Amino acid sequence: SDKVNMDLSQKRSQACVDILVANGIDPSLLVAKGYGESKLKNDCGNKSKCSEEDHAINRRVEIKVLDVKVQE
């Protein structure tokens, strides 16, 4: 369902943030945002007859760098 997909998406993004924080990234610089099926990369939504490989394309994490602070 859409709710289940949204929950999974949020948990996936939060897990990535958790890994980055565990590796020394300041948590105040990170935001976890799951989009569920609202931003698909292809036409493989809930009721689509797609291969598992095609569905997997939509189970992804994207990282956007919004600002870079260089320490001297």
C-alpha atoms as a PDB file:
ATOM      1  CA  SER A   1       0.000   0.000   0.000  1.00  0.00           C
ATOM      2  CA  ASP A   2       1.035   3.631  -0.310  1.00  0.00           C
ATOM      3  CA  LYS A   3       1.351   3.985   3.468  1.00  0.00           C
ATOM      4  CA  VAL A   4       3.574   0.915   3.753  1.00  0.00           C
ATOM      5  CA  ASN A   5       5.766   2.178   0.907  1.00  0.00           C
ATOM      6  CA  MET A   6       6.032   5.619   2.525  1.00  0.00           C
ATOM      7  CA  ASP A   7       7.021   4.058   5.868  1.00  0.00           C
ATOM      8  CA  LEU A   8       9.635   1.833   4.218  1.00  0.00           C
ATOM      9  CA  SER A   9      11.001   4.761   2.252  1.00  0.00           C
ATOM     10  CA  GLN A  10      11.350   6.876   5.386  1.00  0.00           C
ATOM     11  CA  LYS A  11      13.053   4.035   7.271  1.00  0.00           C
ATOM     12  CA  ARG A  12      15.466   3.497   4.364  1.00  0.00           C
ATOM     13  CA  SER A  13      16.441   7.170   4.286  1.00  0.00           C
ATOM     14  CA  GLN A  14      16.779   7.318   8.078  1.00  0.00           C
ATOM     15  CA  ALA A  15      19.039   4.254   8.039  1.00  0.00           C
ATOM     16  CA  CYS A  16      21.348   6.061   5.614  1.00  0.00           C
ATOM     17  CA  VAL A  17      21.448   9.135   7.847  1.00  0.00           C
ATOM     18  CA  ASP A  18      22.208   6.906  10.828  1.00  0.00           C
ATOM     19  CA  ILE A  19      25.160   5.349   8.989  1.00  0.00           C
ATOM     20  CA  LEU A  20      26.544   8.760   8.029  1.00  0.00           C
ATOM     21  CA  VAL A  21      26.230  10.004  11.620  1.00  0.00           C
ATOM     22  CA  ALA A  22      27.926   6.847  12.905  1.00  0.00           C
ATOM     23  CA  ASN A  23      30.801   7.678  10.553  1.00  0.00           C
ATOM     24  CA  GLY A  24      31.285  11.184  11.898  1.00  0.00           C
ATOM     25  CA  ILE A  25      28.922  13.399   9.906  1.00  0.00           C
ATOM     26  CA  ASP A  26      27.262  16.104  12.004  1.00  0.00           C
ATOM     27  CA  PRO A  27      23.589  15.080  12.326  1.00  0.00           C
ATOM     28  CA  SER A  28      22.485  18.719  12.149  1.00  0.00           C
ATOM     29  CA  LEU A  29      23.619  18.703   8.510  1.00  0.00           C
ATOM     30  CA  LEU A  30      21.396  15.780   7.512  1.00  0.00           C
ATOM     31  CA  VAL A  31      17.698  15.311   6.827  1.00  0.00           C
ATOM     32  CA  ALA A  32      16.039  11.973   6.117  1.00  0.00           C
ATOM     33  CA  LYS A  33      13.054  12.287   3.776  1.00  0.00           C
ATOM     34  CA  GLY A  34      11.205   9.306   2.348  1.00  0.00           C
ATOM     35  CA  TYR A  35       9.000   9.833  -0.704  1.00  0.00           C
ATOM     36  CA  GLY A  36       7.349   6.436  -1.055  1.00  0.00           C
ATOM     37  CA  GLU A  37       5.970   6.122  -4.555  1.00  0.00           C
ATOM     38  CA  SER A  38       5.592   9.842  -5.142  1.00  0.00           C
ATOM     39  CA  LYS A  39       8.895  10.155  -7.053  1.00  0.00           C
ATOM     40  CA  LEU A  40       9.278   6.992  -9.131  1.00  0.00           C
ATOM     41  CA  LYS A  41      12.127   6.668 -11.632  1.00  0.00           C
ATOM     42  CA  ASN A  42       9.999   4.465 -13.886  1.00  0.00           C
ATOM     43  CA  ASP A  43       6.358   3.349 -14.231  1.00  0.00           C
ATOM     44  CA  CYS A  44       6.624   0.537 -11.668  1.00  0.00           C
ATOM     45  CA  GLY A  45       4.153   1.525  -8.974  1.00  0.00           C
ATOM     46  CA  ASN A  46       2.165  -0.689  -6.594  1.00  0.00           C
ATOM     47  CA  LYS A  47      -0.078  -2.305  -9.168  1.00  0.00           C
ATOM     48  CA  SER A  48       2.388  -2.404 -12.061  1.00  0.00           C
ATOM     49  CA  LYS A  49       3.464  -5.721 -13.525  1.00  0.00           C
ATOM     50  CA  CYS A  50       7.190  -5.069 -13.572  1.00  0.00           C
ATOM     51  CA  SER A  51      10.186  -7.258 -12.925  1.00  0.00           C
ATOM     52  CA  GLU A  52      11.743  -7.240  -9.460  1.00  0.00           C
ATOM     53  CA  GLU A  53      14.748  -5.516 -11.024  1.00  0.00           C
ATOM     54  CA  ASP A  54      12.528  -2.697 -12.321  1.00  0.00           C
ATOM     55  CA  HIS A  55      10.805  -2.290  -8.944  1.00  0.00           C
ATOM     56  CA  ALA A  56      14.240  -2.192  -7.265  1.00  0.00           C
ATOM     57  CA  ILE A  57      15.143   0.914  -9.296  1.00  0.00           C
ATOM     58  CA  ASN A  58      12.593   2.807  -7.212  1.00  0.00           C
ATOM     59  CA  ARG A  59      14.013   1.530  -3.906  1.00  0.00           C
ATOM     60  CA  ARG A  60      16.855   3.969  -3.772  1.00  0.00           C
ATOM     61  CA  VAL A  61      18.398   6.676  -1.664  1.00  0.00           C
ATOM     62  CA  GLU A  62      19.490   9.937  -3.211  1.00  0.00           C
ATOM     63  CA  ILE A  63      21.862  12.264  -1.406  1.00  0.00           C
ATOM     64  CA  LYS A  64      21.814  15.957  -2.222  1.00  0.00           C
ATOM     65  CA  VAL A  65      24.644  18.202  -1.086  1.00  0.00           C
ATOM     66  CA  LEU A  66      23.110  21.559  -0.231  1.00  0.00           C
ATOM     67  CA  ASP A  67      26.160  23.372   1.122  1.00  0.00           C
ATOM     68  CA  VAL A  68      29.831  22.615   1.435  1.00  0.00           C
ATOM     69  CA  LYS A  69      31.891  23.967   4.315  1.00  0.00           C
ATOM     70  CA  VAL A  70      35.620  23.528   3.919  1.00  0.00           C
ATOM     71  CA  GLN A  71      37.720  23.398   7.062  1.00  0.00           C
ATOM     72  CA  GLU A  72      41.159  24.957   6.830  1.00  0.00           C
END
